[in-house]
Amino acid sequence: MGILYAAIIVILIISIVLTLKETGKGDENYRSSAKRNNRNLTLIYVVIIALAVVALAVYIIFYV
């Protein structure tokens, strides 16, 4: 079970790093709105991670 938790954390870290790496590329209009885009991406990650933690807690409470 510990290996699965580690795999999830590694996948999350890789996806965050690659997403932030991609925000540096693009056209002129994208660079001008990068701050807003990064804020939106960060918000998406926070919501997804929070939902994943809640889902994990529900799983542990009811199925383990």
N, C-alpha and C. Protein backbone atom coordinates (compact mmCIF):
# COMPACT_ATOMS: atom_id res chain seq x y z
N MET A 1 0.83 -1.19 0.00
CA MET A 1 0.00 0.00 0.00
C MET A 1 0.87 1.25 0.00
N GLY A 2 2.01 1.18 0.68
CA GLY A 2 2.93 2.32 0.73
C GLY A 2 3.48 2.65 -0.64
N ILE A 3 3.67 1.63 -1.46
CA ILE A 3 4.18 1.86 -2.81
C ILE A 3 3.16 2.65 -3.63
N LEU A 4 1.88 2.36 -3.45
CA LEU A 4 0.84 3.09 -4.19
C LEU A 4 0.80 4.56 -3.77
N TYR A 5 0.94 4.82 -2.47
CA TYR A 5 0.97 6.21 -1.99
C TYR A 5 2.16 6.94 -2.58
N ALA A 6 3.30 6.29 -2.59
CA ALA A 6 4.51 6.91 -3.16
C ALA A 6 4.33 7.16 -4.65
N ALA A 7 3.70 6.24 -5.35
CA ALA A 7 3.47 6.42 -6.79
C ALA A 7 2.56 7.60 -7.05
N ILE A 8 1.53 7.76 -6.25
CA ILE A 8 0.61 8.89 -6.41
C ILE A 8 1.33 10.20 -6.18
N ILE A 9 2.15 10.26 -5.14
CA ILE A 9 2.89 11.49 -4.84
C ILE A 9 3.87 11.80 -5.96
N VAL A 10 4.56 10.79 -6.48
CA VAL A 10 5.51 11.00 -7.57
C VAL A 10 4.78 11.51 -8.81
N ILE A 11 3.64 10.93 -9.14
CA ILE A 11 2.87 11.37 -10.31
C ILE A 11 2.40 12.81 -10.13
N LEU A 12 1.95 13.17 -8.94
CA LEU A 12 1.53 14.55 -8.69
C LEU A 12 2.68 15.52 -8.85
N ILE A 13 3.84 15.19 -8.31
CA ILE A 13 5.00 16.08 -8.41
C ILE A 13 5.44 16.23 -9.86
N ILE A 14 5.49 15.13 -10.59
CA ILE A 14 5.88 15.18 -12.00
C ILE A 14 4.89 16.03 -12.80
N SER A 15 3.60 15.86 -12.56
CA SER A 15 2.60 16.62 -13.31
C SER A 15 2.69 18.11 -12.99
N ILE A 16 2.93 18.46 -11.74
CA ILE A 16 3.07 19.87 -11.38
C ILE A 16 4.30 20.48 -12.04
N VAL A 17 5.43 19.78 -11.98
CA VAL A 17 6.67 20.28 -12.57
C VAL A 17 6.52 20.45 -14.08
N LEU A 18 5.96 19.45 -14.74
CA LEU A 18 5.80 19.54 -16.19
C LEU A 18 4.81 20.63 -16.59
N THR A 19 3.75 20.81 -15.83
CA THR A 19 2.79 21.86 -16.13
C THR A 19 3.43 23.23 -15.99
N LEU A 20 4.17 23.44 -14.91
CA LEU A 20 4.84 24.72 -14.72
C LEU A 20 5.93 24.95 -15.76
N LYS A 21 6.58 23.89 -16.21
CA LYS A 21 7.59 24.01 -17.27
C LYS A 21 6.94 24.47 -18.57
N GLU A 22 5.75 23.94 -18.87
CA GLU A 22 5.06 24.30 -20.10
C GLU A 22 4.53 25.73 -20.08
N THR A 23 4.30 26.30 -18.91
CA THR A 23 3.78 27.67 -18.85
C THR A 23 4.81 28.67 -19.33
N GLY A 24 6.08 28.31 -19.35
CA GLY A 24 7.12 29.21 -19.84
C GLY A 24 7.16 29.28 -21.35
N LYS A 25 6.54 28.34 -22.03
CA LYS A 25 6.54 28.32 -23.49
C LYS A 25 5.23 28.90 -24.00
N GLY A 26 5.25 29.36 -25.21
CA GLY A 26 4.00 29.83 -25.80
C GLY A 26 4.18 31.14 -26.55
N ASP A 27 3.07 31.68 -26.96
CA ASP A 27 3.11 32.92 -27.73
C ASP A 27 3.10 34.13 -26.79
N GLU A 28 3.13 35.32 -27.40
CA GLU A 28 3.18 36.57 -26.63
C GLU A 28 1.96 36.73 -25.73
N ASN A 29 0.78 36.44 -26.23
CA ASN A 29 -0.43 36.61 -25.44
C ASN A 29 -0.46 35.69 -24.23
N TYR A 30 0.09 34.50 -24.40
CA TYR A 30 0.09 33.57 -23.28
C TYR A 30 1.01 34.06 -22.17
N ARG A 31 2.17 34.60 -22.55
CA ARG A 31 3.10 35.11 -21.54
C ARG A 31 2.50 36.26 -20.76
N SER A 32 1.72 37.10 -21.42
CA SER A 32 1.14 38.26 -20.74
C SER A 32 0.08 37.84 -19.73
N SER A 33 -0.54 36.70 -19.95
CA SER A 33 -1.56 36.23 -19.01
C SER A 33 -1.07 35.04 -18.19
N ALA A 34 0.25 34.86 -18.10
CA ALA A 34 0.81 33.71 -17.39
C ALA A 34 0.47 33.74 -15.91
N LYS A 35 0.44 34.92 -15.32
CA LYS A 35 0.14 35.01 -13.89
C LYS A 35 -1.26 34.46 -13.61
N ARG A 36 -2.23 34.87 -14.41
CA ARG A 36 -3.60 34.39 -14.23
C ARG A 36 -3.68 32.89 -14.50
N ASN A 37 -3.00 32.44 -15.55
CA ASN A 37 -3.02 31.01 -15.89
C ASN A 37 -2.39 30.17 -14.78
N ASN A 38 -1.28 30.64 -14.22
CA ASN A 38 -0.63 29.90 -13.13
C ASN A 38 -1.53 29.86 -11.90
N ARG A 39 -2.22 30.95 -11.62
CA ARG A 39 -3.14 30.97 -10.49
C ARG A 39 -4.27 29.97 -10.70
N ASN A 40 -4.80 29.93 -11.91
CA ASN A 40 -5.87 28.98 -12.21
C ASN A 40 -5.39 27.54 -12.12
N LEU A 41 -4.21 27.26 -12.64
CA LEU A 41 -3.66 25.90 -12.55
C LEU A 41 -3.42 25.50 -11.10
N THR A 42 -2.90 26.44 -10.31
CA THR A 42 -2.66 26.16 -8.90
C THR A 42 -3.97 25.86 -8.20
N LEU A 43 -5.00 26.62 -8.49
CA LEU A 43 -6.31 26.38 -7.89
C LEU A 43 -6.84 25.00 -8.28
N ILE A 44 -6.67 24.63 -9.53
CA ILE A 44 -7.11 23.31 -9.98
C ILE A 44 -6.37 22.21 -9.22
N TYR A 45 -5.05 22.35 -9.09
CA TYR A 45 -4.27 21.35 -8.36
C TYR A 45 -4.70 21.27 -6.90
N VAL A 46 -4.94 22.40 -6.26
CA VAL A 46 -5.35 22.40 -4.86
C VAL A 46 -6.69 21.67 -4.70
N VAL A 47 -7.63 21.95 -5.59
CA VAL A 47 -8.94 21.30 -5.51
C VAL A 47 -8.81 19.80 -5.74
N ILE A 48 -8.06 19.41 -6.75
CA ILE A 48 -7.90 17.99 -7.08
C ILE A 48 -7.20 17.24 -5.95
N ILE A 49 -6.16 17.84 -5.39
CA ILE A 49 -5.44 17.18 -4.29
C ILE A 49 -6.34 17.06 -3.07
N ALA A 50 -7.11 18.11 -2.77
CA ALA A 50 -8.02 18.06 -1.63
C ALA A 50 -9.07 16.96 -1.83
N LEU A 51 -9.63 16.87 -3.02
CA LEU A 51 -10.61 15.82 -3.31
C LEU A 51 -9.99 14.43 -3.21
N ALA A 52 -8.74 14.30 -3.66
CA ALA A 52 -8.06 13.01 -3.58
C ALA A 52 -7.83 12.61 -2.12
N VAL A 53 -7.46 13.58 -1.29
CA VAL A 53 -7.25 13.28 0.13
C VAL A 53 -8.56 12.87 0.80
N VAL A 54 -9.64 13.56 0.47
CA VAL A 54 -10.95 13.21 1.02
C VAL A 54 -11.36 11.82 0.55
N ALA A 55 -11.17 11.53 -0.72
CA ALA A 55 -11.52 10.21 -1.25
C ALA A 55 -10.69 9.12 -0.57
N LEU A 56 -9.41 9.39 -0.35
CA LEU A 56 -8.55 8.43 0.33
C LEU A 56 -9.02 8.22 1.76
N ALA A 57 -9.39 9.28 2.44
CA ALA A 57 -9.88 9.16 3.82
C ALA A 57 -11.17 8.35 3.87
N VAL A 58 -12.07 8.61 2.96
CA VAL A 58 -13.33 7.84 2.90
C VAL A 58 -13.03 6.37 2.66
N TYR A 59 -12.12 6.11 1.76
CA TYR A 59 -11.74 4.72 1.47
C TYR A 59 -11.17 4.04 2.71
N ILE A 60 -10.25 4.73 3.38
CA ILE A 60 -9.63 4.15 4.57
C ILE A 60 -10.66 3.92 5.67
N ILE A 61 -11.55 4.87 5.88
CA ILE A 61 -12.53 4.76 6.96
C ILE A 61 -13.51 3.62 6.71
N PHE A 62 -14.01 3.50 5.48
CA PHE A 62 -15.08 2.54 5.20
C PHE A 62 -14.62 1.19 4.66
N TYR A 63 -13.42 1.11 4.09
CA TYR A 63 -13.03 -0.13 3.43
C TYR A 63 -11.78 -0.79 3.98
N VAL A 64 -11.11 -0.16 4.91
CA VAL A 64 -9.88 -0.77 5.45
C VAL A 64 -10.11 -1.18 6.88
